[in-house]
Amino acid sequence: MTDPKTRQRRLALGLYFVTDPAMPGARGLPAVVKAALKGGITMLQLRDKEASDEDFLAMARTLAPMARAASVPFLLNDRPHLVDAAGADGVHIGQEDTAPAEARRIIGPDRLLGLSVETPPLAAAVDPELVDYAGIGPVQATDTKPDHRTPLGLDGLAAAYATCPVPAVAIGGVGSANAASIMKCGVDGIAVVSAICAAPDPEAAARTLLRTIRDARP
């Protein structure tokens, strides 16, 4: 298997944009992603739990070239079996999705694999031989994922990050109002959905978040 550190060198966890199928409205998701890429997002994940594999793959094939042109890693949410066909750089899975060992087997040794963790014990249990980065959260309550676990808050986020053996982003209720405080917990970046996807100007929203991240880093 490829050395995990070799894969992790391809990570760019500063401003990780996770898409939502409904929030773009009449603008359409590709237009929002194009603006977000122009605004400086550093990673992109296509997330649509309700779409059929056919529709999901069609959107992935639209977004993958856009991300590649911007040199931004592009991941699918779950659906490791579609990574090859989509031309994606990897997959992000949750605790109730495909098991990390199985996801790694499906996507192969070279692609990126992310895992959601909701508590310090789950963060500590991440296998760095399989998983390249973690998404820790939710930090705050969020309407984007109404069935989420109890929010960690800043102290819980810091505790989970301290136990995590791989790089990690904070996710869940993350936006411009709390991005600086979240970065001060030590995380490697933030993952956002509505802060960009529902923004009137996604490009400007991405630029503002990126500036906040950079200013908050030591």
Protein backbone atom coordinates (compact mmCIF):
# COMPACT_ATOMS: atom_id res chain seq x y z
CA MET A 1 0.00 0.00 0.00
CA THR A 2 1.10 3.54 -0.72
CA ASP A 3 2.73 5.25 2.26
CA PRO A 4 -0.07 7.29 3.92
CA LYS A 5 2.27 10.26 4.22
CA THR A 6 2.62 10.28 0.44
CA ARG A 7 -1.15 10.54 0.07
CA GLN A 8 -1.44 13.12 2.83
CA ARG A 9 0.96 15.43 1.03
CA ARG A 10 -1.84 15.90 -1.52
CA LEU A 11 -4.23 17.15 1.15
CA ALA A 12 -5.20 20.80 1.22
CA LEU A 13 -7.47 20.99 4.22
CA GLY A 14 -7.65 24.76 4.69
CA LEU A 15 -11.09 25.48 3.20
CA TYR A 16 -12.96 22.29 2.42
CA PHE A 17 -16.25 22.86 0.56
CA VAL A 18 -18.95 20.18 0.86
CA THR A 19 -21.81 20.63 -1.59
CA ASP A 20 -25.55 20.50 -1.01
CA PRO A 21 -27.91 19.68 -3.90
CA ALA A 22 -30.70 22.11 -2.96
CA MET A 23 -28.98 25.24 -1.65
CA PRO A 24 -27.75 26.57 -5.02
CA GLY A 25 -31.35 26.93 -6.18
CA ALA A 26 -31.81 28.23 -9.71
CA ARG A 27 -28.10 29.00 -9.99
CA GLY A 28 -27.29 25.29 -10.20
CA LEU A 29 -24.52 23.49 -8.37
CA PRO A 30 -21.84 23.75 -11.11
CA ALA A 31 -22.12 27.55 -11.09
CA VAL A 32 -21.71 27.67 -7.32
CA VAL A 33 -18.74 25.30 -7.44
CA LYS A 34 -17.13 27.36 -10.19
CA ALA A 35 -17.45 30.48 -8.05
CA ALA A 36 -16.16 28.68 -4.95
CA LEU A 37 -13.12 27.42 -6.83
CA LYS A 38 -12.45 30.94 -8.05
CA GLY A 39 -12.75 32.12 -4.45
CA GLY A 40 -10.01 29.75 -3.34
CA ILE A 41 -11.51 26.63 -1.78
CA THR A 42 -8.79 24.05 -1.23
CA MET A 43 -10.82 20.82 -1.34
CA LEU A 44 -14.19 19.88 -2.82
CA GLN A 45 -16.61 17.11 -1.84
CA LEU A 46 -19.75 16.19 -3.74
CA ARG A 47 -22.47 15.22 -1.26
CA ASP A 48 -25.99 14.19 -2.22
CA LYS A 49 -27.45 11.39 -0.13
CA GLU A 50 -30.71 11.21 -2.10
CA ALA A 51 -29.43 11.11 -5.69
CA SER A 52 -29.35 7.89 -7.67
CA ASP A 53 -25.93 6.56 -8.61
CA GLU A 54 -26.63 7.63 -12.20
CA ASP A 55 -27.44 11.23 -11.29
CA PHE A 56 -24.66 11.43 -8.73
CA LEU A 57 -22.12 10.18 -11.27
CA ALA A 58 -23.32 12.65 -13.88
CA MET A 59 -22.77 15.56 -11.47
CA ALA A 60 -19.41 14.16 -10.37
CA ARG A 61 -18.25 14.01 -13.97
CA THR A 62 -19.26 17.65 -14.38
CA LEU A 63 -17.41 18.83 -11.27
CA ALA A 64 -14.27 16.68 -11.50
CA PRO A 65 -12.73 18.53 -14.49
CA MET A 66 -13.48 21.88 -12.83
CA ALA A 67 -11.66 20.84 -9.67
CA ARG A 68 -8.79 19.35 -11.65
CA ALA A 69 -8.32 22.57 -13.61
CA ALA A 70 -8.03 24.43 -10.29
CA SER A 71 -5.67 21.78 -8.81
CA VAL A 72 -8.19 21.15 -6.03
CA PRO A 73 -8.68 17.58 -4.74
CA PHE A 74 -12.19 16.31 -5.51
CA LEU A 75 -13.84 13.68 -3.32
CA LEU A 76 -17.16 11.89 -3.32
CA ASN A 77 -19.29 11.54 -0.21
CA ASP A 78 -19.57 7.79 0.37
CA ARG A 79 -20.10 5.77 -2.87
CA PRO A 80 -16.51 4.48 -3.14
CA HIS A 81 -17.67 2.27 -6.01
CA LEU A 82 -18.11 5.40 -8.15
CA VAL A 83 -14.69 6.96 -7.54
CA ASP A 84 -13.04 5.42 -10.61
CA ALA A 85 -15.90 6.24 -12.97
CA ALA A 86 -16.14 9.78 -11.63
CA GLY A 87 -12.45 10.51 -11.98
CA ALA A 88 -12.43 11.58 -8.32
CA ASP A 89 -9.39 11.86 -6.08
CA GLY A 90 -10.99 9.88 -3.30
CA VAL A 91 -13.97 9.41 -1.01
CA HIS A 92 -15.21 10.61 2.36
CA ILE A 93 -17.18 8.18 4.52
CA GLY A 94 -19.15 8.38 7.75
CA GLN A 95 -19.31 6.00 10.68
CA GLU A 96 -22.45 4.37 9.24
CA ASP A 97 -21.17 4.19 5.67
CA THR A 98 -18.73 1.74 4.11
CA ALA A 99 -16.11 0.55 6.61
CA PRO A 100 -12.69 2.20 6.15
CA ALA A 101 -10.94 -1.08 5.28
CA GLU A 102 -13.55 -1.88 2.64
CA ALA A 103 -13.51 1.66 1.24
CA ARG A 104 -9.72 1.51 0.98
CA ARG A 105 -9.94 -1.83 -0.80
CA ILE A 106 -12.41 -0.42 -3.32
CA ILE A 107 -10.63 2.85 -4.10
CA GLY A 108 -7.14 1.39 -4.03
CA PRO A 109 -3.93 2.46 -2.29
CA ASP A 110 -3.37 5.81 -3.95
CA ARG A 111 -6.62 7.74 -3.57
CA LEU A 112 -7.60 9.87 -0.57
CA LEU A 113 -9.88 8.53 2.15
CA GLY A 114 -11.58 10.74 4.74
CA LEU A 115 -13.62 9.63 7.74
CA SER A 116 -16.17 11.49 9.89
CA VAL A 117 -15.66 11.26 13.66
CA GLU A 118 -18.02 12.66 16.27
CA THR A 119 -16.23 12.07 19.58
CA PRO A 120 -12.67 12.02 20.98
CA PRO A 121 -12.71 8.18 21.26
CA LEU A 122 -13.73 7.85 17.60
CA ALA A 123 -11.02 10.33 16.62
CA ALA A 124 -8.43 8.33 18.55
CA ALA A 125 -9.55 5.12 16.85
CA VAL A 126 -8.83 6.35 13.30
CA ASP A 127 -6.40 4.01 11.54
CA PRO A 128 -3.74 6.18 9.88
CA GLU A 129 -2.74 3.32 7.60
CA LEU A 130 -6.18 3.45 5.98
CA VAL A 131 -7.54 6.95 6.58
CA ASP A 132 -5.80 10.11 5.36
CA TYR A 133 -7.81 12.76 7.20
CA ALA A 134 -10.76 13.12 9.54
CA GLY A 135 -13.76 15.41 9.62
CA ILE A 136 -14.47 16.20 13.27
CA GLY A 137 -17.93 17.37 14.23
CA PRO A 138 -20.49 18.63 14.41
CA VAL A 139 -18.93 21.58 16.19
CA GLN A 140 -22.30 23.36 16.47
CA ALA A 141 -25.86 22.36 15.64
CA THR A 142 -26.53 22.50 11.90
CA ASP A 143 -29.63 22.20 9.70
CA THR A 144 -27.48 20.70 6.94
CA LYS A 145 -27.48 17.36 8.74
CA PRO A 146 -30.47 17.32 11.13
CA ASP A 147 -29.74 13.80 12.44
CA HIS A 148 -26.25 14.74 13.65
CA ARG A 149 -24.75 13.71 16.97
CA THR A 150 -24.58 16.07 19.97
CA PRO A 151 -22.41 19.07 19.00
CA LEU A 152 -18.86 18.98 20.37
CA GLY A 153 -18.41 22.68 20.99
CA LEU A 154 -14.94 24.19 20.90
CA ASP A 155 -13.61 22.27 23.90
CA GLY A 156 -14.83 18.97 22.51
CA LEU A 157 -13.37 19.79 19.11
CA ALA A 158 -9.97 20.55 20.64
CA ALA A 159 -10.09 17.33 22.67
CA ALA A 160 -11.00 15.23 19.63
CA TYR A 161 -8.31 16.85 17.50
CA ALA A 162 -5.70 16.20 20.19
CA THR A 163 -6.41 12.46 20.04
CA CYS A 164 -6.63 12.19 16.24
CA PRO A 165 -3.62 10.53 14.52
CA VAL A 166 -4.30 12.12 11.11
CA PRO A 167 -4.88 15.68 9.86
CA ALA A 168 -8.43 16.91 10.47
CA VAL A 169 -10.99 19.55 9.55
CA ALA A 170 -13.82 20.81 11.73
CA ILE A 171 -17.33 20.45 10.30
CA GLY A 172 -20.90 21.14 11.36
CA GLY A 173 -22.20 24.61 12.04
CA VAL A 174 -19.00 26.18 10.73
CA GLY A 175 -19.09 29.63 9.12
CA SER A 176 -17.54 33.05 9.06
CA ALA A 177 -18.78 33.90 12.58
CA ASN A 178 -16.88 31.08 14.29
CA ALA A 179 -14.16 30.09 11.82
CA ALA A 180 -11.41 31.96 13.67
CA SER A 181 -12.32 30.42 17.05
CA ILE A 182 -12.47 26.98 15.47
CA MET A 183 -9.05 27.33 13.85
CA LYS A 184 -7.60 28.26 17.24
CA CYS A 185 -8.53 24.75 18.43
CA GLY A 186 -5.60 23.54 16.34
CA VAL A 187 -7.45 21.92 13.45
CA ASP A 188 -5.93 21.85 9.97
CA GLY A 189 -8.90 23.53 8.36
CA ILE A 190 -12.67 23.93 8.25
CA ALA A 191 -15.31 22.19 6.16
CA VAL A 192 -18.35 24.24 5.23
CA VAL A 193 -21.61 23.67 3.41
CA SER A 194 -24.14 26.50 3.69
CA ALA A 195 -21.48 29.16 4.35
CA ILE A 196 -20.61 28.89 0.66
CA CYS A 197 -23.43 26.91 -0.98
CA ALA A 198 -26.19 29.21 0.28
CA ALA A 199 -24.17 32.43 0.08
CA PRO A 200 -25.46 35.10 -2.34
CA ASP A 201 -21.88 35.42 -3.62
CA PRO A 202 -20.06 32.07 -3.17
CA GLU A 203 -16.79 33.45 -4.51
CA ALA A 204 -16.73 36.30 -2.01
CA ALA A 205 -17.80 33.97 0.81
CA ALA A 206 -14.93 31.61 0.01
CA ARG A 207 -12.42 34.47 -0.09
CA THR A 208 -13.60 35.79 3.26
CA LEU A 209 -13.41 32.36 4.90
CA LEU A 210 -9.98 31.71 3.46
CA ARG A 211 -8.71 35.04 4.77
CA THR A 212 -10.15 34.26 8.20
CA ILE A 213 -8.43 30.87 8.24
CA ARG A 214 -5.09 32.33 7.29
CA ASP A 215 -5.34 35.15 9.85
CA ALA A 216 -6.26 32.71 12.63
CA ARG A 217 -3.33 30.41 12.07
CA PRO A 218 -0.29 30.89 14.34
